[in-house]
Every structure is written in C-alpha cells, then in structure tokens.
C-alpha cells in the first residue's frame, strides 16, 4: 500500500484488509513522504497488529517507486496492491487465493471492482461492466464455472489491442512464478507503469479472471485537462514499447490493427502538442500518423500547425461576424 497524504482514507483502507476472512497476510504500508498524519495512522495500526509493517521514505513523486519498495519487503507467496484511498471487500483475499491455489498454471488473477465516490457511494456500473469486458474478450476467455475464467495464452493480444482489463486494485500475483526480475514496476514511466507490468505478466504466463466485485476504487474530482499532454505522451510511449515486445507474437492482421491504434494515440498527442504551442512537434506527429492511416484529416492538422493558434482564433472570430 503506497500512501501519500492519505490521512482522510487510509484507516478505512487498512481496516478493509484487517477485516478479510482470509487472515494469513502481511500488509506493507509505504509512506511516500506524507506531510499529514498518514504515517502516524498506519503506525498506530502496526503497533497493535504484527501483520502490518510501515516503511517511511522520502517523497518520490511516483507510486511505482513506493510499490517497488513494498515488493522488496514482501515475503508471502502471493502479492496484491491496494492504494491508500481504496478498499477491499471481506472475501477478496479468500476467493483470489483459492483461485490461485486451484490453478497453479496461472501467474496472476484479477477481478471486477466498484467505482465509488469520496464518500464510498457506488457510481453506476462496475469497472468492467463499463467496457462490456465479458463480451469484448469472449474470444480469449474460457468459462470454468463459479464465475471463473481462464484468459488463454493470447490474452496479451486483447490487452494490447483493446484495453488492459486488469486494475491495480484487482490483481493478485504468484511471486514465485513471476520472479524477482519481472515483478517490478518500470520507474521510467510517470503513468502507465501498472499497465506495463500487467502486459508483461500476461506475456510471461496465463491469467485467470473472477467475474465478481471484490474491491472498491475511489474516484476523486481531479483536473485531468491540465495533464492531458503528459497523459498523451505516456500512453503513446507505453504502446510503442509494448508493440516492440509483442509484435513478433502477433499475426500480420493484429500488427496492423496495433499500428493503427498507436497512430490514434500519436494523433491525440499531436492535437495536445498543437494546443500547447508545440506546432513543429504536432506537425511531425500528424505526418507520421498520415503515413499509417492515410487519413487526410491528419494532413489538415499538419497544415493547421503552419498557422499560429492565436491567428486561427482571430480568423474564426472574423468569420463569425
């Protein structure tokens, strides 16, 4: 559990682990340089329960670093992650551990989760209902009964071409199958480091899926637009890196589909570069997209970058008069 300035929620997160029906666990809380009472709250629980360990470190600015520190202190057979503002339902560990033990061929399993607001109220459909996961992934899934599915050897193709499906709060990993070298988040990423790890796990072994809600992912009001350029850059970087490692295991049809998906991400980045005043970069990106998609809209964006954004705004104002 990486934690940074989580005093408002960390007690509920820790309590959700303590209330698990499966009680043989180790909870490692990594306080990432919090400036509030986060560490003190966690240490209060650790003082009364030997299963809880609190590690303090200076702020890294990346959840991946705190998670890797926690991984380094883990001693159990299986590894899970829980952010300090989210929480598990009581059967979460019992059901996922049972699934792992029943299927030693699985390197990891994952489940569905509820999206909740700051007060814990449910927000509409579940995480995977939103994306119609069972329908979208039907070609890759094999039903085993009791809501369990085997994801198949080529599930990494689905994860690459459509979406990862796995969430940080939903996965449990066999540490011995994964091994020390694989089971680490890539700290070069600012975001997407979690998706990167889930893809690497899927390439290394088989995944299982339990079609049941076993945890809650808290949604906070945030200003995503201010980070749109960063998100676009990181998403493109991840998919370019992922394509490099998976394309040899894909058919030509799948490779072509993935190149088009990457072109879509490059187009999004071109747009945000243009809006952010990086016209030359936007022009280069949009031309690269055109070479893949052969869409004249990409040439139009490239041409628009030749005209300063403020000049375009003045032209639109004149045309409206």
Foldseek 3Di string as FASTA:
>chain_A
DEDAQLVVAQVVAVVLLCLAPDHPAAAEYEDQQHPDCVQVVQVVVCVVDVSYHYHYDYHDLAVQVSVQVVVVPDDDQKDADDYRRKHWHRHQVVVQVVVCVVCVQAQKEFEWAFEAESVRHTDPDTPVVVVVNCVLQVVQWDDDDPQKIWRHLVVLLVCLLPNVPHDRRTMMGRDVQCDDVLPGFDPVARPPSVSLSSSSSSNSGIYMYGHDHTIYDYDYDDDCVVCQLVVLVRVLVSSVVVCVVCVVVDDPVSNLSSVLVSLVSLQSNLVVCLVVVNLVSSLVSLVVSCVNPVDCVSVVSNVCSVPRPVVVVVVVVVVVD
